[in-house]
PDB file of N, CA and C in Angstrom:
ATOM      1  N   MET A   1     -59.800  52.066  20.068  1.00  0.00           N
ATOM      2  CA  MET A   1     -59.250  53.436  19.464  1.00  0.00           C
ATOM      3  C   MET A   1     -58.189  52.660  18.794  1.00  0.00           C
ATOM      4  N   SER A   2     -58.010  53.265  17.570  1.00  0.00           N
ATOM      5  CA  SER A   2     -57.176  52.957  16.480  1.00  0.00           C
ATOM      6  C   SER A   2     -55.664  53.769  16.880  1.00  0.00           C
ATOM      7  N   THR A   3     -54.616  53.051  16.182  1.00  0.00           N
ATOM      8  CA  THR A   3     -53.320  53.608  16.461  1.00  0.00           C
ATOM      9  C   THR A   3     -52.872  54.433  15.578  1.00  0.00           C
ATOM     10  N   LYS A   4     -53.737  54.594  14.422  1.00  0.00           N
ATOM     11  CA  LYS A   4     -53.275  55.657  13.435  1.00  0.00           C
ATOM     12  C   LYS A   4     -53.735  57.024  13.553  1.00  0.00           C
ATOM     13  N   LEU A   5     -52.754  58.129  13.671  1.00  0.00           N
ATOM     14  CA  LEU A   5     -53.342  59.269  13.841  1.00  0.00           C
ATOM     15  C   LEU A   5     -53.216  60.314  12.750  1.00  0.00           C
ATOM     16  N   PHE A   6     -53.861  61.304  12.522  1.00  0.00           N
ATOM     17  CA  PHE A   6     -54.071  62.065  11.373  1.00  0.00           C
ATOM     18  C   PHE A   6     -53.410  63.317  12.235  1.00  0.00           C
ATOM     19  N   VAL A   7     -52.435  63.905  11.464  1.00  0.00           N
ATOM     20  CA  VAL A   7     -51.661  65.245  11.978  1.00  0.00           C
ATOM     21  C   VAL A   7     -51.643  66.469  10.707  1.00  0.00           C
ATOM     22  N   GLY A   8     -52.473  67.137  10.875  1.00  0.00           N
ATOM     23  CA  GLY A   8     -52.648  68.408  10.278  1.00  0.00           C
ATOM     24  C   GLY A   8     -52.016  69.690  10.697  1.00  0.00           C
ATOM     25  N   ASN A   9     -51.854  70.734   9.724  1.00  0.00           N
ATOM     26  CA  ASN A   9     -51.299  71.839   9.872  1.00  0.00           C
ATOM     27  C   ASN A   9     -49.659  71.706  10.064  1.00  0.00           C
ATOM     28  N   LEU A  10     -49.317  70.952   9.470  1.00  0.00           N
ATOM     29  CA  LEU A  10     -47.884  70.869   9.513  1.00  0.00           C
ATOM     30  C   LEU A  10     -47.349  72.010   8.430  1.00  0.00           C
ATOM     31  N   SER A  11     -46.009  72.277   8.958  1.00  0.00           N
ATOM     32  CA  SER A  11     -45.264  73.371   8.164  1.00  0.00           C
ATOM     33  C   SER A  11     -44.790  72.402   6.818  1.00  0.00           C
ATOM     34  N   PHE A  12     -44.734  73.203   5.701  1.00  0.00           N
ATOM     35  CA  PHE A  12     -44.503  72.668   4.301  1.00  0.00           C
ATOM     36  C   PHE A  12     -42.891  72.273   4.449  1.00  0.00           C
ATOM     37  N   ASN A  13     -42.254  72.740   5.598  1.00  0.00           N
ATOM     38  CA  ASN A  13     -40.711  72.339   5.703  1.00  0.00           C
ATOM     39  C   ASN A  13     -40.565  70.895   6.491  1.00  0.00           C
ATOM     40  N   THR A  14     -41.520  70.378   6.931  1.00  0.00           N
ATOM     41  CA  THR A  14     -41.499  69.227   7.939  1.00  0.00           C
ATOM     42  C   THR A  14     -41.163  68.053   7.194  1.00  0.00           C
ATOM     43  N   THR A  15     -40.329  67.145   7.686  1.00  0.00           N
ATOM     44  CA  THR A  15     -39.963  66.053   7.116  1.00  0.00           C
ATOM     45  C   THR A  15     -40.603  64.964   7.801  1.00  0.00           C
ATOM     46  N   GLU A  16     -40.325  63.840   7.349  1.00  0.00           N
ATOM     47  CA  GLU A  16     -40.911  62.506   7.959  1.00  0.00           C
ATOM     48  C   GLU A  16     -40.115  62.234   9.276  1.00  0.00           C
ATOM     49  N   ASN A  17     -38.712  62.544   9.199  1.00  0.00           N
ATOM     50  CA  ASN A  17     -37.917  62.492  10.282  1.00  0.00           C
ATOM     51  C   ASN A  17     -38.499  63.381  11.423  1.00  0.00           C
ATOM     52  N   ASP A  18     -38.827  64.585  11.187  1.00  0.00           N
ATOM     53  CA  ASP A  18     -39.398  65.276  12.214  1.00  0.00           C
ATOM     54  C   ASP A  18     -40.661  65.132  12.701  1.00  0.00           C
ATOM     55  N   LEU A  19     -41.433  64.330  12.089  1.00  0.00           N
ATOM     56  CA  LEU A  19     -42.727  63.718  12.721  1.00  0.00           C
ATOM     57  C   LEU A  19     -42.499  62.745  13.232  1.00  0.00           C
ATOM     58  N   LEU A  20     -41.538  61.694  12.868  1.00  0.00           N
ATOM     59  CA  LEU A  20     -40.984  60.440  13.734  1.00  0.00           C
ATOM     60  C   LEU A  20     -40.270  61.131  14.985  1.00  0.00           C
ATOM     61  N   ASP A  21     -39.568  62.074  15.269  1.00  0.00           N
ATOM     62  CA  ASP A  21     -38.857  62.401  16.230  1.00  0.00           C
ATOM     63  C   ASP A  21     -39.935  63.146  17.303  1.00  0.00           C
ATOM     64  N   ALA A  22     -40.913  63.919  16.578  1.00  0.00           N
ATOM     65  CA  ALA A  22     -41.944  64.647  17.827  1.00  0.00           C
ATOM     66  C   ALA A  22     -42.839  63.793  18.455  1.00  0.00           C
ATOM     67  N   PHE A  23     -43.206  62.496  17.509  1.00  0.00           N
ATOM     68  CA  PHE A  23     -44.133  61.557  18.279  1.00  0.00           C
ATOM     69  C   PHE A  23     -43.322  60.338  19.125  1.00  0.00           C
ATOM     70  N   ALA A  24     -42.234  60.058  18.703  1.00  0.00           N
ATOM     71  CA  ALA A  24     -41.449  59.408  19.642  1.00  0.00           C
ATOM     72  C   ALA A  24     -41.238  59.456  21.042  1.00  0.00           C
ATOM     73  N   ALA A  25     -41.452  60.670  21.224  1.00  0.00           N
ATOM     74  CA  ALA A  25     -41.181  61.318  22.652  1.00  0.00           C
ATOM     75  C   ALA A  25     -42.346  60.651  23.462  1.00  0.00           C
ATOM     76  N   HIS A  26     -43.419  60.299  22.809  1.00  0.00           N
ATOM     77  CA  HIS A  26     -44.787  59.990  23.476  1.00  0.00           C
ATOM     78  C   HIS A  26     -44.892  58.336  23.367  1.00  0.00           C
ATOM     79  N   GLY A  27     -44.060  57.593  22.578  1.00  0.00           N
ATOM     80  CA  GLY A  27     -44.320  56.329  22.543  1.00  0.00           C
ATOM     81  C   GLY A  27     -43.813  55.575  21.372  1.00  0.00           C
ATOM     82  N   THR A  28     -44.072  54.409  20.971  1.00  0.00           N
ATOM     83  CA  THR A  28     -43.082  53.700  19.743  1.00  0.00           C
ATOM     84  C   THR A  28     -44.063  54.237  18.411  1.00  0.00           C
ATOM     85  N   VAL A  29     -43.367  54.708  17.613  1.00  0.00           N
ATOM     86  CA  VAL A  29     -43.735  55.150  16.142  1.00  0.00           C
ATOM     87  C   VAL A  29     -43.542  53.830  15.103  1.00  0.00           C
ATOM     88  N   VAL A  30     -44.678  53.453  14.867  1.00  0.00           N
ATOM     89  CA  VAL A  30     -44.581  52.388  13.693  1.00  0.00           C
ATOM     90  C   VAL A  30     -44.459  52.724  12.392  1.00  0.00           C
ATOM     91  N   GLU A  31     -45.026  53.825  12.220  1.00  0.00           N
ATOM     92  CA  GLU A  31     -44.713  54.492  11.034  1.00  0.00           C
ATOM     93  C   GLU A  31     -45.189  55.981  10.899  1.00  0.00           C
ATOM     94  N   ALA A  32     -44.457  56.689  10.073  1.00  0.00           N
ATOM     95  CA  ALA A  32     -44.784  58.186   9.816  1.00  0.00           C
ATOM     96  C   ALA A  32     -44.488  58.229   8.547  1.00  0.00           C
ATOM     97  N   ASN A  33     -45.698  59.074   8.078  1.00  0.00           N
ATOM     98  CA  ASN A  33     -45.948  59.328   6.417  1.00  0.00           C
ATOM     99  C   ASN A  33     -46.393  60.855   6.292  1.00  0.00           C
ATOM    100  N   LEU A  34     -45.677  61.275   5.282  1.00  0.00           N
ATOM    101  CA  LEU A  34     -46.160  62.983   4.895  1.00  0.00           C
ATOM    102  C   LEU A  34     -46.867  62.530   3.681  1.00  0.00           C
ATOM    103  N   MET A  35     -47.856  63.155   3.304  1.00  0.00           N
ATOM    104  CA  MET A  35     -48.587  63.104   2.158  1.00  0.00           C
ATOM    105  C   MET A  35     -48.091  64.194   1.216  1.00  0.00           C
ATOM    106  N   MET A  36     -47.743  63.803  -0.035  1.00  0.00           N
ATOM    107  CA  MET A  36     -47.066  64.582  -0.843  1.00  0.00           C
ATOM    108  C   MET A  36     -47.898  64.876  -1.983  1.00  0.00           C
ATOM    109  N   ASP A  37     -47.966  66.064  -2.747  1.00  0.00           N
ATOM    110  CA  ASP A  37     -48.710  66.360  -3.798  1.00  0.00           C
ATOM    111  C   ASP A  37     -48.268  65.551  -4.954  1.00  0.00           C
ATOM    112  N   ARG A  38     -49.196  64.884  -5.729  1.00  0.00           N
ATOM    113  CA  ARG A  38     -48.676  63.867  -6.879  1.00  0.00           C
ATOM    114  C   ARG A  38     -47.996  64.718  -8.157  1.00  0.00           C
ATOM    115  N   VAL A  39     -48.396  65.759  -8.433  1.00  0.00           N
ATOM    116  CA  VAL A  39     -47.840  66.766  -9.350  1.00  0.00           C
ATOM    117  C   VAL A  39     -46.605  67.538  -8.984  1.00  0.00           C
ATOM    118  N   THR A  40     -46.567  68.098  -8.044  1.00  0.00           N
ATOM    119  CA  THR A  40     -45.734  68.878  -7.688  1.00  0.00           C
ATOM    120  C   THR A  40     -44.527  68.257  -6.640  1.00  0.00           C
ATOM    121  N   GLY A  41     -44.734  67.137  -6.163  1.00  0.00           N
ATOM    122  CA  GLY A  41     -43.789  66.430  -5.176  1.00  0.00           C
ATOM    123  C   GLY A  41     -43.620  67.270  -3.819  1.00  0.00           C
ATOM    124  N   LYS A  42     -44.595  68.246  -3.640  1.00  0.00           N
ATOM    125  CA  LYS A  42     -44.203  68.881  -2.470  1.00  0.00           C
ATOM    126  C   LYS A  42     -45.221  68.727  -1.415  1.00  0.00           C
ATOM    127  N   PRO A  43     -44.803  68.623   0.065  1.00  0.00           N
ATOM    128  CA  PRO A  43     -45.459  68.096   0.901  1.00  0.00           C
ATOM    129  C   PRO A  43     -46.900  69.061   0.728  1.00  0.00           C
ATOM    130  N   ARG A  44     -48.206  68.245   1.523  1.00  0.00           N
ATOM    131  CA  ARG A  44     -49.544  68.701   1.415  1.00  0.00           C
ATOM    132  C   ARG A  44     -49.853  69.523   2.642  1.00  0.00           C
ATOM    133  N   GLY A  45     -48.889  69.476   3.772  1.00  0.00           N
ATOM    134  CA  GLY A  45     -49.153  69.920   4.979  1.00  0.00           C
ATOM    135  C   GLY A  45     -50.053  69.180   5.958  1.00  0.00           C
ATOM    136  N   PHE A  46     -50.010  67.665   5.808  1.00  0.00           N
ATOM    137  CA  PHE A  46     -50.483  66.979   6.810  1.00  0.00           C
ATOM    138  C   PHE A  46     -49.957  65.565   6.435  1.00  0.00           C
ATOM    139  N   GLY A  47     -49.902  64.661   7.310  1.00  0.00           N
ATOM    140  CA  GLY A  47     -49.662  63.485   7.274  1.00  0.00           C
ATOM    141  C   GLY A  47     -50.209  62.336   8.240  1.00  0.00           C
ATOM    142  N   PHE A  48     -49.822  61.179   8.480  1.00  0.00           N
ATOM    143  CA  PHE A  48     -50.276  60.216   9.533  1.00  0.00           C
ATOM    144  C   PHE A  48     -49.181  59.559  10.039  1.00  0.00           C
ATOM    145  N   VAL A  49     -49.039  59.518  11.292  1.00  0.00           N
ATOM    146  CA  VAL A  49     -48.224  58.698  12.191  1.00  0.00           C
ATOM    147  C   VAL A  49     -49.193  57.307  13.002  1.00  0.00           C
ATOM    148  N   THR A  50     -48.625  56.399  12.949  1.00  0.00           N
ATOM    149  CA  THR A  50     -49.112  55.200  13.526  1.00  0.00           C
ATOM    150  C   THR A  50     -48.184  54.645  15.031  1.00  0.00           C
ATOM    151  N   MET A  51     -49.014  54.741  16.070  1.00  0.00           N
ATOM    152  CA  MET A  51     -48.213  54.319  17.287  1.00  0.00           C
ATOM    153  C   MET A  51     -48.318  53.024  17.476  1.00  0.00           C
ATOM    154  N   SER A  52     -47.677  52.331  18.404  1.00  0.00           N
ATOM    155  CA  SER A  52     -47.886  50.855  18.621  1.00  0.00           C
ATOM    156  C   SER A  52     -49.021  50.258  19.509  1.00  0.00           C
ATOM    157  N   THR A  53     -49.417  51.300  20.356  1.00  0.00           N
ATOM    158  CA  THR A  53     -50.564  50.995  20.867  1.00  0.00           C
ATOM    159  C   THR A  53     -51.664  52.013  20.982  1.00  0.00           C
ATOM    160  N   PRO A  54     -52.965  51.531  21.200  1.00  0.00           N
ATOM    161  CA  PRO A  54     -53.889  52.667  21.425  1.00  0.00           C
ATOM    162  C   PRO A  54     -53.518  53.598  22.688  1.00  0.00           C
ATOM    163  N   GLU A  55     -53.032  53.104  23.725  1.00  0.00           N
ATOM    164  CA  GLU A  55     -52.463  54.238  24.884  1.00  0.00           C
ATOM    165  C   GLU A  55     -51.614  54.990  24.403  1.00  0.00           C
ATOM    166  N   GLU A  56     -50.651  54.595  23.564  1.00  0.00           N
ATOM    167  CA  GLU A  56     -49.610  55.745  23.235  1.00  0.00           C
ATOM    168  C   GLU A  56     -50.156  56.540  22.336  1.00  0.00           C
ATOM    169  N   ALA A  57     -51.139  56.098  21.499  1.00  0.00           N
ATOM    170  CA  ALA A  57     -51.726  57.003  20.481  1.00  0.00           C
ATOM    171  C   ALA A  57     -52.421  58.276  21.072  1.00  0.00           C
ATOM    172  N   GLN A  58     -53.328  57.798  22.307  1.00  0.00           N
ATOM    173  CA  GLN A  58     -53.914  58.846  22.831  1.00  0.00           C
ATOM    174  C   GLN A  58     -53.030  59.666  23.744  1.00  0.00           C
ATOM    175  N   LYS A  59     -52.246  59.158  24.354  1.00  0.00           N
ATOM    176  CA  LYS A  59     -51.047  59.871  24.837  1.00  0.00           C
ATOM    177  C   LYS A  59     -50.260  60.927  23.936  1.00  0.00           C
ATOM    178  N   ALA A  60     -50.088  60.617  22.649  1.00  0.00           N
ATOM    179  CA  ALA A  60     -49.694  61.761  21.612  1.00  0.00           C
ATOM    180  C   ALA A  60     -50.567  62.457  21.346  1.00  0.00           C
ATOM    181  N   ILE A  61     -51.996  62.311  21.355  1.00  0.00           N
ATOM    182  CA  ILE A  61     -52.994  63.082  20.991  1.00  0.00           C
ATOM    183  C   ILE A  61     -53.042  64.205  22.125  1.00  0.00           C
ATOM    184  N   GLU A  62     -53.183  63.922  23.270  1.00  0.00           N
ATOM    185  CA  GLU A  62     -52.897  64.817  24.460  1.00  0.00           C
ATOM    186  C   GLU A  62     -51.871  65.670  24.425  1.00  0.00           C
ATOM    187  N   ALA A  63     -50.908  65.173  24.314  1.00  0.00           N
ATOM    188  CA  ALA A  63     -49.533  66.121  24.280  1.00  0.00           C
ATOM    189  C   ALA A  63     -49.318  66.822  22.905  1.00  0.00           C
ATOM    190  N   LEU A  64     -49.510  66.659  21.929  1.00  0.00           N
ATOM    191  CA  LEU A  64     -49.505  67.348  20.573  1.00  0.00           C
ATOM    192  C   LEU A  64     -50.194  67.972  20.044  1.00  0.00           C
ATOM    193  N   ASN A  65     -51.825  67.651  20.143  1.00  0.00           N
ATOM    194  CA  ASN A  65     -52.823  68.239  19.628  1.00  0.00           C
ATOM    195  C   ASN A  65     -52.836  69.864  20.194  1.00  0.00           C
ATOM    196  N   GLY A  66     -52.731  70.862  19.141  1.00  0.00           N
ATOM    197  CA  GLY A  66     -52.660  72.125  19.782  1.00  0.00           C
ATOM    198  C   GLY A  66     -51.146  72.745  19.933  1.00  0.00           C
ATOM    199  N   ALA A  67     -50.075  71.722  19.920  1.00  0.00           N
ATOM    200  CA  ALA A  67     -49.066  72.158  20.460  1.00  0.00           C
ATOM    201  C   ALA A  67     -48.214  72.822  19.259  1.00  0.00           C
ATOM    202  N   SER A  68     -47.258  73.508  19.465  1.00  0.00           N
ATOM    203  CA  SER A  68     -46.627  74.368  18.269  1.00  0.00           C
ATOM    204  C   SER A  68     -45.448  73.306  17.771  1.00  0.00           C
ATOM    205  N   PHE A  69     -45.342  73.457  16.528  1.00  0.00           N
ATOM    206  CA  PHE A  69     -44.509  72.601  15.916  1.00  0.00           C
ATOM    207  C   PHE A  69     -44.264  73.109  14.488  1.00  0.00           C
ATOM    208  N   GLY A  70     -42.863  73.651  14.426  1.00  0.00           N
ATOM    209  CA  GLY A  70     -42.467  74.263  13.303  1.00  0.00           C
ATOM    210  C   GLY A  70     -43.125  75.490  12.845  1.00  0.00           C
ATOM    211  N   GLY A  71     -43.394  76.387  14.106  1.00  0.00           N
ATOM    212  CA  GLY A  71     -44.195  77.619  14.143  1.00  0.00           C
ATOM    213  C   GLY A  71     -45.671  77.476  13.596  1.00  0.00           C
ATOM    214  N   ARG A  72     -46.387  76.263  13.804  1.00  0.00           N
ATOM    215  CA  ARG A  72     -47.793  76.062  13.633  1.00  0.00           C
ATOM    216  C   ARG A  72     -48.343  75.153  14.603  1.00  0.00           C
ATOM    217  N   ALA A  73     -49.571  75.599  14.995  1.00  0.00           N
ATOM    218  CA  ALA A  73     -50.500  74.625  15.902  1.00  0.00           C
ATOM    219  C   ALA A  73     -50.929  73.470  15.402  1.00  0.00           C
ATOM    220  N   LEU A  74     -50.242  72.296  15.676  1.00  0.00           N
ATOM    221  CA  LEU A  74     -50.845  70.850  15.178  1.00  0.00           C
ATOM    222  C   LEU A  74     -52.063  70.730  15.391  1.00  0.00           C
ATOM    223  N   THR A  75     -52.833  69.802  14.523  1.00  0.00           N
ATOM    224  CA  THR A  75     -53.966  69.060  14.736  1.00  0.00           C
ATOM    225  C   THR A  75     -53.757  67.769  14.732  1.00  0.00           C
ATOM    226  N   VAL A  76     -53.897  66.958  15.742  1.00  0.00           N
ATOM    227  CA  VAL A  76     -53.839  65.762  15.806  1.00  0.00           C
ATOM    228  C   VAL A  76     -54.752  64.836  16.410  1.00  0.00           C
ATOM    229  N   ASN A  77     -55.288  64.000  15.795  1.00  0.00           N
ATOM    230  CA  ASN A  77     -56.501  63.270  16.239  1.00  0.00           C
ATOM    231  C   ASN A  77     -56.508  61.711  15.451  1.00  0.00           C
ATOM    232  N   VAL A  78     -57.475  61.053  15.966  1.00  0.00           N
ATOM    233  CA  VAL A  78     -57.596  59.722  15.558  1.00  0.00           C
ATOM    234  C   VAL A  78     -57.861  59.809  13.840  1.00  0.00           C
ATOM    235  N   ALA A  79     -57.190  59.137  13.113  1.00  0.00           N
ATOM    236  CA  ALA A  79     -57.414  59.066  11.361  1.00  0.00           C
ATOM    237  C   ALA A  79     -58.819  58.152  11.418  1.00  0.00           C
ATOM    238  N   LYS A  80     -59.463  58.964  10.533  1.00  0.00           N
ATOM    239  CA  LYS A  80     -60.868  58.432  10.281  1.00  0.00           C
ATOM    240  C   LYS A  80     -60.361  57.147   9.062  1.00  0.00           C
ATOM    241  N   PRO A  81     -61.142  56.081   8.986  1.00  0.00           N
ATOM    242  CA  PRO A  81     -60.751  55.333   7.674  1.00  0.00           C
ATOM    243  C   PRO A  81     -60.850  55.983   6.268  1.00  0.00           C
ATOM    244  N   ARG A  82     -59.944  55.595   5.334  1.00  0.00           N
ATOM    245  CA  ARG A  82     -60.177  56.176   3.846  1.00  0.00           C
ATOM    246  C   ARG A  82     -61.720  55.868   3.412  1.00  0.00           C
ATOM    247  N   GLU A  83     -62.424  56.807   2.884  1.00  0.00           N
ATOM    248  CA  GLU A  83     -63.477  56.553   2.200  1.00  0.00           C
ATOM    249  C   GLU A  83     -63.138  56.228   0.719  1.00  0.00           C
ATOM    250  N   GLU A  84     -64.034  55.126   0.203  1.00  0.00           N
ATOM    251  CA  GLU A  84     -63.983  54.701  -0.996  1.00  0.00           C
ATOM    252  C   GLU A  84     -64.601  55.804  -1.956  1.00  0.00           C
ATOM    253  N   ARG A  85     -63.619  55.866  -3.035  1.00  0.00           N
ATOM    254  CA  ARG A  85     -64.147  56.842  -4.014  1.00  0.00           C
ATOM    255  C   ARG A  85     -64.679  56.168  -5.263  1.00  0.00           C
ATOM    256  N   THR A  86     -66.009  56.639  -5.725  1.00  0.00           N
ATOM    257  CA  THR A  86     -66.614  56.029  -6.732  1.00  0.00           C
ATOM    258  C   THR A  86     -66.031  56.519  -8.021  1.00  0.00           C
ATOM    259  N   GLY A  87     -66.539  55.993  -9.058  1.00  0.00           N
ATOM    260  CA  GLY A  87     -65.995  55.995 -10.270  1.00  0.00           C
ATOM    261  C   GLY A  87     -65.944  57.317 -11.131  1.00  0.00           C
ATOM    262  N   GLY A  88     -66.426  58.048 -10.433  1.00  0.00           N
ATOM    263  CA  GLY A  88     -66.637  59.530 -10.829  1.00  0.00           C
ATOM    264  C   GLY A  88     -67.455  59.859 -11.941  1.00  0.00           C
ATOM    265  N   GLY A  89     -67.676  60.560 -12.208  1.00  0.00           N
ATOM    266  CA  GLY A  89     -68.691  61.097 -12.624  1.00  0.00           C
ATOM    267  C   GLY A  89     -69.178  61.450 -13.807  1.00  0.00           C
ATOM    268  N   GLY A  90     -69.906  62.038 -14.214  1.00  0.00           N
ATOM    269  CA  GLY A  90     -70.894  62.004 -15.459  1.00  0.00           C
ATOM    270  C   GLY A  90     -70.197  62.982 -16.421  1.00  0.00           C
ATOM    271  N   GLY A  91     -70.844  63.696 -16.898  1.00  0.00           N
ATOM    272  CA  GLY A  91     -70.342  64.741 -17.596  1.00  0.00           C
ATOM    273  C   GLY A  91     -70.150  64.227 -19.043  1.00  0.00           C
ATOM    274  N   GLY A  92     -70.212  63.767 -19.734  1.00  0.00           N
ATOM    275  CA  GLY A  92     -69.805  63.320 -21.125  1.00  0.00           C
ATOM    276  C   GLY A  92     -69.617  64.268 -21.783  1.00  0.00           C
ATOM    277  N   ARG A  93     -69.337  64.128 -23.220  1.00  0.00           N
ATOM    278  CA  ARG A  93     -69.145  65.265 -24.035  1.00  0.00           C
ATOM    279  C   ARG A  93     -70.176  65.386 -24.889  1.00  0.00           C
ATOM    280  N   ARG A  94     -70.493  66.633 -24.925  1.00  0.00           N
ATOM    281  CA  ARG A  94     -71.976  67.355 -25.661  1.00  0.00           C
ATOM    282  C   ARG A  94     -71.957  66.869 -27.220  1.00  0.00           C
ATOM    283  N   GLU A  95     -70.913  66.854 -27.823  1.00  0.00           N
ATOM    284  CA  GLU A  95     -71.011  66.988 -28.925  1.00  0.00           C
ATOM    285  C   GLU A  95     -71.399  65.612 -29.816  1.00  0.00           C
ATOM    286  N   TYR A  96     -71.513  64.829 -28.892  1.00  0.00           N
ATOM    287  CA  TYR A  96     -72.157  63.311 -29.242  1.00  0.00           C
ATOM    288  C   TYR A  96     -73.679  62.978 -28.922  1.00  0.00           C
ATOM    289  N   GLY A  97     -74.414  63.905 -28.888  1.00  0.00           N
ATOM    290  CA  GLY A  97     -75.661  63.717 -28.888  1.00  0.00           C
ATOM    291  C   GLY A  97     -76.593  64.670 -29.525  1.00  0.00           C
ATOM    292  N   GLY A  98     -77.827  64.641 -29.393  1.00  0.00           N
ATOM    293  CA  GLY A  98     -78.827  65.320 -30.174  1.00  0.00           C
ATOM    294  C   GLY A  98     -79.001  64.928 -31.586  1.00  0.00           C
ATOM    295  N   GLY A  99     -79.904  65.357 -32.134  1.00  0.00           N
ATOM    296  CA  GLY A  99     -80.173  65.224 -33.461  1.00  0.00           C
ATOM    297  C   GLY A  99     -80.151  66.210 -34.362  1.00  0.00           C
ATOM    298  N   ARG A 100     -79.804  67.350 -34.117  1.00  0.00           N
ATOM    299  CA  ARG A 100     -79.819  68.462 -34.838  1.00  0.00           C
ATOM    300  C   ARG A 100     -78.444  68.935 -35.389  1.00  0.00           C
ATOM    301  N   ASN A 101     -78.540  69.437 -36.447  1.00  0.00           N
ATOM    302  CA  ASN A 101     -76.913  69.804 -36.943  1.00  0.00           C
ATOM    303  C   ASN A 101     -76.641  71.250 -36.483  1.00  0.00           C
ATOM    304  N   ARG A 102     -75.750  71.201 -35.867  1.00  0.00           N
ATOM    305  CA  ARG A 102     -75.325  72.950 -35.181  1.00  0.00           C
ATOM    306  C   ARG A 102     -74.822  73.663 -36.282  1.00  0.00           C
ATOM    307  N   TYR A 103     -74.369  73.363 -37.689  1.00  0.00           N
ATOM    308  CA  TYR A 103     -73.750  74.527 -38.500  1.00  0.00           C
ATOM    309  C   TYR A 103     -74.902  74.950 -39.201  1.00  0.00           C
TER     310      TYR A 103
END
């Protein structure tokens, strides 16, 4: 089992310190990160917490998944590895093709 946990359904007022404090009650927290919107700089409502051992991670999941935190029921589970994003997509510009004059 991994020691990195996904934490979802966070209040937008939650800070990284709030997250750290909540999980520290269940073991040693190595890292706590809130995900922020790149454009607005505001929290996106989820984050990641890394615990020091798989046992502590499991203990935190059991204690905090579904628990009320900041007025919301937390979702806490093992973080899935980040999927690689492909170069994205097609769609080119239409005006560069064809052989007919549109005018």
